[in-house]
């Protein structure tokens, strides 16, 4: 809880930029927290191992595209929010929704077609086409 409080309240300081807490501790603590969750989910004794989250497979497929687009989208949306006087609480959900949408579209129209071309010309040594993430995502 303390990490979330610090990250939320001290991540950015007006007229300064990203604060000391976020730059020095925040990103590393967030990475440690998520890696701990992944390790817990991999352990058969953990309740997280049995938990199934609807939509998680799609988010995992889109994650690289989301990663590539979230930062520019955040800057664009933040600028629009400041110019229009949008409430501050609305920025984060808007960035999240826009990042997932743009990431999904980028995956569908850029990443997946290039992965199909790569698979066609440079097939992998270990995976069959039916076992690839693209084939699984499109029901092949």
N, C-alpha and C. Protein backbone atom coordinates (compact mmCIF):
# COMPACT_ATOMS: atom_id res chain seq x y z
N UNK A 1 0.80 -1.19 0.00
CA UNK A 1 0.00 0.00 0.00
C UNK A 1 0.86 1.27 0.00
N UNK A 2 1.91 1.22 0.79
CA UNK A 2 2.79 2.38 0.87
C UNK A 2 3.43 2.67 -0.49
N UNK A 3 3.81 1.60 -1.21
CA UNK A 3 4.40 1.79 -2.53
C UNK A 3 3.40 2.45 -3.48
N UNK A 4 2.16 1.99 -3.48
CA UNK A 4 1.14 2.59 -4.34
C UNK A 4 0.89 4.04 -3.96
N UNK A 5 0.84 4.33 -2.67
CA UNK A 5 0.65 5.71 -2.21
C UNK A 5 1.79 6.61 -2.72
N UNK A 6 3.02 6.14 -2.54
CA UNK A 6 4.17 6.93 -2.98
C UNK A 6 4.21 7.12 -4.47
N UNK A 7 3.93 6.05 -5.21
CA UNK A 7 3.96 6.14 -6.67
C UNK A 7 2.86 7.07 -7.18
N UNK A 8 1.67 6.99 -6.57
CA UNK A 8 0.56 7.81 -7.03
C UNK A 8 0.74 9.28 -6.67
N UNK A 9 1.21 9.56 -5.47
CA UNK A 9 1.28 10.94 -5.00
C UNK A 9 2.59 11.66 -5.31
N UNK A 10 3.64 10.93 -5.58
CA UNK A 10 4.94 11.58 -5.77
C UNK A 10 5.60 11.24 -7.10
N UNK A 11 4.85 10.68 -8.05
CA UNK A 11 5.47 10.30 -9.31
C UNK A 11 5.84 11.50 -10.16
N UNK A 12 5.09 12.57 -10.07
CA UNK A 12 5.36 13.74 -10.89
C UNK A 12 5.15 15.00 -10.06
N UNK A 13 6.07 15.92 -10.15
CA UNK A 13 6.00 17.16 -9.39
C UNK A 13 5.92 18.30 -10.40
N UNK A 14 4.89 19.14 -10.27
CA UNK A 14 4.70 20.26 -11.20
C UNK A 14 5.95 21.14 -11.24
N UNK A 15 6.29 21.61 -12.42
CA UNK A 15 7.44 22.49 -12.67
C UNK A 15 8.78 21.83 -12.32
N UNK A 16 8.77 20.52 -12.12
CA UNK A 16 10.02 19.81 -11.81
C UNK A 16 10.19 18.58 -12.70
N UNK A 17 9.18 17.75 -12.77
CA UNK A 17 9.24 16.52 -13.55
C UNK A 17 9.02 15.33 -12.63
N UNK A 18 9.54 14.22 -13.05
CA UNK A 18 9.37 13.01 -12.24
C UNK A 18 10.17 13.15 -10.95
N UNK A 19 9.51 12.85 -9.85
CA UNK A 19 10.10 13.06 -8.54
C UNK A 19 11.15 12.03 -8.18
N UNK A 20 11.86 12.32 -7.11
CA UNK A 20 12.94 11.47 -6.60
C UNK A 20 12.41 10.08 -6.28
N UNK A 21 11.27 9.99 -5.58
CA UNK A 21 10.74 8.69 -5.19
C UNK A 21 10.52 7.80 -6.41
N UNK A 22 9.84 8.32 -7.42
CA UNK A 22 9.52 7.50 -8.58
C UNK A 22 10.78 7.15 -9.36
N UNK A 23 11.67 8.11 -9.55
CA UNK A 23 12.88 7.86 -10.33
C UNK A 23 13.82 6.87 -9.66
N UNK A 24 13.94 6.95 -8.35
CA UNK A 24 14.90 6.12 -7.63
C UNK A 24 14.29 4.79 -7.20
N UNK A 25 13.08 4.83 -6.65
CA UNK A 25 12.49 3.62 -6.07
C UNK A 25 11.26 3.10 -6.83
N UNK A 26 10.45 4.00 -7.32
CA UNK A 26 9.13 3.65 -7.82
C UNK A 26 9.11 2.60 -8.90
N UNK A 27 9.84 2.83 -9.98
CA UNK A 27 9.80 1.89 -11.10
C UNK A 27 10.36 0.53 -10.70
N UNK A 28 11.41 0.53 -9.91
CA UNK A 28 11.99 -0.74 -9.45
C UNK A 28 11.03 -1.48 -8.53
N UNK A 29 10.37 -0.77 -7.63
CA UNK A 29 9.41 -1.40 -6.73
C UNK A 29 8.21 -1.96 -7.49
N UNK A 30 7.75 -1.26 -8.48
CA UNK A 30 6.65 -1.75 -9.29
C UNK A 30 7.08 -3.02 -10.03
N UNK A 31 8.29 -3.04 -10.58
CA UNK A 31 8.79 -4.23 -11.27
C UNK A 31 8.91 -5.42 -10.31
N UNK A 32 9.42 -5.17 -9.10
CA UNK A 32 9.54 -6.24 -8.10
C UNK A 32 8.16 -6.77 -7.72
N UNK A 33 7.21 -5.86 -7.53
CA UNK A 33 5.85 -6.28 -7.17
C UNK A 33 5.23 -7.16 -8.25
N UNK A 34 5.35 -6.76 -9.50
CA UNK A 34 4.78 -7.56 -10.58
C UNK A 34 5.53 -8.86 -10.79
N UNK A 35 6.83 -8.86 -10.64
CA UNK A 35 7.57 -10.12 -10.77
C UNK A 35 7.21 -11.08 -9.64
N UNK A 36 6.94 -10.56 -8.46
CA UNK A 36 6.49 -11.40 -7.35
C UNK A 36 5.13 -12.02 -7.67
N UNK A 37 4.25 -11.24 -8.26
CA UNK A 37 2.95 -11.78 -8.68
C UNK A 37 3.12 -12.88 -9.73
N UNK A 38 4.01 -12.68 -10.69
CA UNK A 38 4.25 -13.70 -11.72
C UNK A 38 4.80 -14.97 -11.09
N UNK A 39 5.76 -14.83 -10.19
CA UNK A 39 6.30 -16.02 -9.51
C UNK A 39 5.22 -16.74 -8.72
N UNK A 40 4.37 -15.99 -8.04
CA UNK A 40 3.28 -16.61 -7.28
C UNK A 40 2.32 -17.34 -8.22
N UNK A 41 2.03 -16.75 -9.37
CA UNK A 41 1.12 -17.37 -10.32
C UNK A 41 1.71 -18.65 -10.93
N UNK A 42 3.02 -18.76 -10.97
CA UNK A 42 3.67 -19.96 -11.51
C UNK A 42 3.72 -21.12 -10.52
N UNK A 43 3.54 -20.84 -9.25
CA UNK A 43 3.61 -21.86 -8.22
C UNK A 43 2.28 -22.60 -8.13
N UNK A 44 2.28 -23.93 -8.34
CA UNK A 44 1.03 -24.69 -8.27
C UNK A 44 0.32 -24.60 -6.92
N UNK A 45 1.04 -24.28 -5.85
CA UNK A 45 0.43 -24.17 -4.53
C UNK A 45 -0.27 -22.83 -4.31
N UNK A 46 -0.09 -21.89 -5.20
CA UNK A 46 -0.64 -20.55 -5.04
C UNK A 46 -2.07 -20.47 -5.59
N UNK A 47 -2.90 -19.67 -4.93
CA UNK A 47 -4.25 -19.42 -5.44
C UNK A 47 -4.20 -18.69 -6.78
N UNK A 48 -3.16 -17.89 -6.99
CA UNK A 48 -3.02 -17.19 -8.27
C UNK A 48 -2.82 -18.17 -9.43
N UNK A 49 -2.25 -19.33 -9.14
CA UNK A 49 -2.02 -20.33 -10.18
C UNK A 49 -3.34 -20.84 -10.76
N UNK A 50 -4.36 -20.92 -9.92
CA UNK A 50 -5.67 -21.42 -10.34
C UNK A 50 -6.58 -20.32 -10.87
N UNK A 51 -6.22 -19.08 -10.66
CA UNK A 51 -7.05 -17.95 -11.06
C UNK A 51 -6.97 -17.74 -12.57
N UNK A 52 -8.10 -17.63 -13.20
CA UNK A 52 -8.15 -17.33 -14.63
C UNK A 52 -8.77 -15.96 -14.81
N UNK A 53 -8.09 -15.09 -15.50
CA UNK A 53 -8.55 -13.72 -15.70
C UNK A 53 -9.04 -13.58 -17.13
N UNK A 54 -10.33 -13.31 -17.32
CA UNK A 54 -10.85 -13.14 -18.69
C UNK A 54 -10.13 -12.00 -19.40
N UNK A 55 -9.72 -12.23 -20.61
CA UNK A 55 -9.04 -11.21 -21.40
C UNK A 55 -7.55 -11.13 -21.21
N UNK A 56 -7.00 -11.85 -20.24
CA UNK A 56 -5.56 -11.77 -19.96
C UNK A 56 -4.73 -12.26 -21.15
N UNK A 57 -5.20 -13.29 -21.84
CA UNK A 57 -4.44 -13.80 -23.00
C UNK A 57 -4.35 -12.75 -24.10
N UNK A 58 -5.45 -12.04 -24.34
CA UNK A 58 -5.43 -10.98 -25.36
C UNK A 58 -4.51 -9.84 -24.96
N UNK A 59 -4.59 -9.43 -23.70
CA UNK A 59 -3.71 -8.35 -23.21
C UNK A 59 -2.25 -8.79 -23.35
N UNK A 60 -1.96 -10.06 -23.07
CA UNK A 60 -0.60 -10.57 -23.21
C UNK A 60 -0.14 -10.49 -24.66
N UNK A 61 -1.01 -10.82 -25.60
CA UNK A 61 -0.66 -10.72 -27.02
C UNK A 61 -0.39 -9.27 -27.43
N UNK A 62 -1.19 -8.37 -26.90
CA UNK A 62 -1.07 -6.96 -27.27
C UNK A 62 -0.03 -6.22 -26.46
N UNK A 63 0.57 -6.84 -25.47
CA UNK A 63 1.39 -6.12 -24.49
C UNK A 63 2.56 -5.37 -25.10
N UNK A 64 3.22 -5.93 -26.09
CA UNK A 64 4.36 -5.22 -26.69
C UNK A 64 3.88 -3.96 -27.41
N UNK A 65 2.78 -4.08 -28.14
CA UNK A 65 2.23 -2.91 -28.82
C UNK A 65 1.76 -1.86 -27.82
N UNK A 66 1.16 -2.31 -26.72
CA UNK A 66 0.75 -1.38 -25.68
C UNK A 66 1.97 -0.68 -25.10
N UNK A 67 3.02 -1.45 -24.85
CA UNK A 67 4.27 -0.88 -24.32
C UNK A 67 4.83 0.20 -25.24
N UNK A 68 4.80 -0.05 -26.54
CA UNK A 68 5.37 0.90 -27.49
C UNK A 68 4.55 2.19 -27.61
N UNK A 69 3.25 2.11 -27.34
CA UNK A 69 2.41 3.27 -27.59
C UNK A 69 1.94 4.01 -26.34
N UNK A 70 2.09 3.42 -25.16
CA UNK A 70 1.48 4.04 -23.98
C UNK A 70 2.09 5.38 -23.61
N UNK A 71 3.38 5.52 -23.75
CA UNK A 71 4.03 6.77 -23.32
C UNK A 71 3.65 7.96 -24.22
N UNK A 72 3.72 7.81 -25.55
CA UNK A 72 3.28 8.94 -26.39
C UNK A 72 1.80 9.26 -26.18
N UNK A 73 0.98 8.23 -26.02
CA UNK A 73 -0.44 8.47 -25.78
C UNK A 73 -0.65 9.22 -24.47
N UNK A 74 0.10 8.86 -23.45
CA UNK A 74 -0.02 9.54 -22.15
C UNK A 74 0.30 11.02 -22.29
N UNK A 75 1.36 11.35 -23.04
CA UNK A 75 1.73 12.76 -23.23
C UNK A 75 0.65 13.51 -24.03
N UNK A 76 0.14 12.87 -25.07
CA UNK A 76 -0.90 13.51 -25.89
C UNK A 76 -2.16 13.74 -25.06
N UNK A 77 -2.60 12.70 -24.35
CA UNK A 77 -3.84 12.81 -23.57
C UNK A 77 -3.66 13.79 -22.42
N UNK A 78 -2.51 13.80 -21.79
CA UNK A 78 -2.24 14.76 -20.70
C UNK A 78 -2.34 16.19 -21.23
N UNK A 79 -1.78 16.44 -22.40
CA UNK A 79 -1.86 17.77 -23.00
C UNK A 79 -3.29 18.17 -23.33
N UNK A 80 -4.05 17.24 -23.88
CA UNK A 80 -5.45 17.52 -24.19
C UNK A 80 -6.23 17.79 -22.90
N UNK A 81 -5.98 16.98 -21.88
CA UNK A 81 -6.68 17.14 -20.60
C UNK A 81 -6.39 18.51 -19.99
N UNK A 82 -5.15 18.95 -20.07
CA UNK A 82 -4.78 20.26 -19.51
C UNK A 82 -5.44 21.40 -20.28
N UNK A 83 -5.47 21.28 -21.62
CA UNK A 83 -6.07 22.33 -22.44
C UNK A 83 -7.58 22.41 -22.29
N UNK A 84 -8.23 21.26 -22.10
CA UNK A 84 -9.69 21.25 -22.03
C UNK A 84 -10.22 21.37 -20.62
N UNK A 85 -9.34 21.31 -19.63
CA UNK A 85 -9.79 21.41 -18.25
C UNK A 85 -10.47 20.14 -17.74
N UNK A 86 -10.13 19.00 -18.34
CA UNK A 86 -10.71 17.72 -17.91
C UNK A 86 -10.30 17.44 -16.46
N UNK A 87 -11.15 16.75 -15.72
CA UNK A 87 -10.79 16.46 -14.32
C UNK A 87 -9.57 15.55 -14.25
N UNK A 88 -8.67 15.80 -13.31
CA UNK A 88 -7.42 15.03 -13.23
C UNK A 88 -7.64 13.52 -13.07
N UNK A 89 -8.71 13.11 -12.39
CA UNK A 89 -8.96 11.69 -12.18
C UNK A 89 -9.29 10.96 -13.47
N UNK A 90 -9.68 11.69 -14.51
CA UNK A 90 -10.09 11.06 -15.77
C UNK A 90 -8.90 10.71 -16.67
N UNK A 91 -7.74 11.29 -16.42
CA UNK A 91 -6.60 11.09 -17.30
C UNK A 91 -6.11 9.64 -17.32
N UNK A 92 -5.91 9.06 -16.15
CA UNK A 92 -5.38 7.70 -16.09
C UNK A 92 -6.28 6.67 -16.77
N UNK A 93 -7.59 6.65 -16.49
CA UNK A 93 -8.42 5.67 -17.20
C UNK A 93 -8.47 5.91 -18.70
N UNK A 94 -8.39 7.18 -19.11
CA UNK A 94 -8.39 7.49 -20.54
C UNK A 94 -7.11 6.98 -21.19
N UNK A 95 -5.98 7.20 -20.55
CA UNK A 95 -4.70 6.70 -21.08
C UNK A 95 -4.73 5.17 -21.14
N UNK A 96 -5.24 4.54 -20.10
CA UNK A 96 -5.32 3.07 -20.06
C UNK A 96 -6.17 2.55 -21.21
N UNK A 97 -7.37 3.10 -21.37
CA UNK A 97 -8.26 2.65 -22.44
C UNK A 97 -7.65 2.90 -23.82
N UNK A 98 -7.08 4.09 -24.02
CA UNK A 98 -6.48 4.42 -25.31
C UNK A 98 -5.28 3.52 -25.60
N UNK A 99 -4.48 3.23 -24.58
CA UNK A 99 -3.31 2.37 -24.77
C UNK A 99 -3.71 0.96 -25.18
N UNK A 100 -4.74 0.43 -24.53
CA UNK A 100 -5.20 -0.92 -24.88
C UNK A 100 -5.78 -0.92 -26.29
N UNK A 101 -6.59 0.09 -26.61
CA UNK A 101 -7.19 0.15 -27.94
C UNK A 101 -6.13 0.29 -29.04
N UNK A 102 -5.22 1.24 -28.87
CA UNK A 102 -4.18 1.46 -29.88
C UNK A 102 -3.24 0.26 -29.94
N UNK A 103 -2.94 -0.35 -28.79
CA UNK A 103 -2.11 -1.55 -28.76
C UNK A 103 -2.75 -2.70 -29.49
N UNK A 104 -4.07 -2.89 -29.30
CA UNK A 104 -4.79 -3.96 -29.99
C UNK A 104 -4.78 -3.73 -31.50
N UNK A 105 -5.04 -2.49 -31.91
CA UNK A 105 -5.03 -2.18 -33.34
C UNK A 105 -3.64 -2.33 -33.93
N UNK A 106 -2.64 -1.88 -33.22
CA UNK A 106 -1.26 -2.01 -33.69
C UNK A 106 -0.87 -3.48 -33.82
N UNK A 107 -1.27 -4.29 -32.84
CA UNK A 107 -0.99 -5.72 -32.92
C UNK A 107 -1.67 -6.33 -34.15
N UNK A 108 -2.94 -6.00 -34.32
CA UNK A 108 -3.73 -6.60 -35.40
C UNK A 108 -3.23 -6.19 -36.78
N UNK A 109 -2.91 -4.92 -36.95
CA UNK A 109 -2.60 -4.43 -38.29
C UNK A 109 -1.12 -4.24 -38.58
N UNK A 110 -0.25 -4.32 -37.58
CA UNK A 110 1.18 -4.16 -37.81
C UNK A 110 1.94 -5.40 -37.35
N UNK A 111 1.85 -5.70 -36.05
CA UNK A 111 2.68 -6.77 -35.49
C UNK A 111 2.32 -8.15 -36.05
N UNK A 112 1.05 -8.53 -36.01
CA UNK A 112 0.64 -9.86 -36.47
C UNK A 112 0.97 -10.09 -37.95
N UNK A 113 0.67 -9.14 -38.86
CA UNK A 113 1.04 -9.38 -40.26
C UNK A 113 2.55 -9.58 -40.45
N UNK A 114 3.36 -8.81 -39.74
CA UNK A 114 4.81 -8.98 -39.87
C UNK A 114 5.28 -10.30 -39.28
N UNK A 115 4.62 -10.75 -38.19
CA UNK A 115 4.99 -12.06 -37.64
C UNK A 115 4.61 -13.18 -38.60
N UNK A 116 3.49 -13.03 -39.33
CA UNK A 116 3.12 -14.04 -40.33
C UNK A 116 4.15 -14.06 -41.46
N UNK A 117 4.58 -12.89 -41.90
CA UNK A 117 5.60 -12.82 -42.96
C UNK A 117 6.90 -13.46 -42.47
N UNK A 118 7.29 -13.14 -41.25
CA UNK A 118 8.50 -13.74 -40.68
C UNK A 118 8.38 -15.26 -40.62
N UNK A 119 7.25 -15.76 -40.16
CA UNK A 119 7.05 -17.20 -40.05
C UNK A 119 7.07 -17.86 -41.43
N UNK A 120 6.55 -17.18 -42.43
CA UNK A 120 6.53 -17.72 -43.79
C UNK A 120 7.94 -17.84 -44.37
N UNK A 121 8.76 -16.80 -44.17
CA UNK A 121 10.10 -16.78 -44.76
C UNK A 121 11.18 -17.35 -43.85
N UNK A 122 10.98 -17.28 -42.56
CA UNK A 122 11.97 -17.76 -41.59
C UNK A 122 11.27 -18.56 -40.50
N UNK A 123 10.80 -19.77 -40.84
CA UNK A 123 10.06 -20.55 -39.84
C UNK A 123 10.95 -20.88 -38.64
N UNK A 124 10.33 -20.89 -37.48
CA UNK A 124 11.06 -21.20 -36.25
C UNK A 124 11.43 -22.67 -36.19
N UNK A 125 12.44 -22.98 -35.42
CA UNK A 125 12.89 -24.36 -35.27
C UNK A 125 12.07 -25.15 -34.26
N UNK A 126 11.40 -24.48 -33.35
CA UNK A 126 10.77 -25.16 -32.23
C UNK A 126 9.26 -25.17 -32.26
N UNK A 127 8.63 -24.20 -32.90
CA UNK A 127 7.18 -24.10 -32.86
C UNK A 127 6.59 -24.43 -34.23
N UNK A 128 5.50 -25.17 -34.20
CA UNK A 128 4.75 -25.40 -35.43
C UNK A 128 3.83 -24.21 -35.64
N UNK A 129 3.40 -23.95 -36.88
CA UNK A 129 2.51 -22.80 -37.10
C UNK A 129 1.24 -22.87 -36.25
N UNK A 130 0.72 -24.05 -35.98
CA UNK A 130 -0.51 -24.14 -35.20
C UNK A 130 -0.27 -23.82 -33.73
N UNK A 131 0.98 -23.85 -33.27
CA UNK A 131 1.28 -23.56 -31.87
C UNK A 131 1.70 -22.11 -31.65
N UNK A 132 1.75 -21.32 -32.72
CA UNK A 132 2.20 -19.95 -32.58
C UNK A 132 1.12 -19.10 -31.91
N UNK A 133 1.52 -18.03 -31.21
CA UNK A 133 0.53 -17.15 -30.58
C UNK A 133 -0.44 -16.54 -31.56
N UNK A 134 0.02 -16.27 -32.78
CA UNK A 134 -0.85 -15.65 -33.79
C UNK A 134 -1.95 -16.64 -34.18
N UNK A 135 -1.55 -17.89 -34.43
CA UNK A 135 -2.52 -18.90 -34.81
C UNK A 135 -3.51 -19.13 -33.68
N UNK A 136 -3.03 -19.17 -32.46
CA UNK A 136 -3.91 -19.39 -31.31
C UNK A 136 -4.88 -18.24 -31.14
N UNK A 137 -4.41 -17.01 -31.36
CA UNK A 137 -5.26 -15.84 -31.17
C UNK A 137 -6.35 -15.75 -32.23
N UNK A 138 -6.07 -16.28 -33.41
CA UNK A 138 -7.03 -16.20 -34.50
C UNK A 138 -7.77 -17.51 -34.73
N UNK A 139 -7.60 -18.45 -33.79
CA UNK A 139 -8.35 -19.70 -33.87
C UNK A 139 -7.88 -20.67 -34.94
N UNK A 140 -6.62 -20.62 -35.31
CA UNK A 140 -6.09 -21.55 -36.34
C UNK A 140 -5.42 -22.72 -35.69
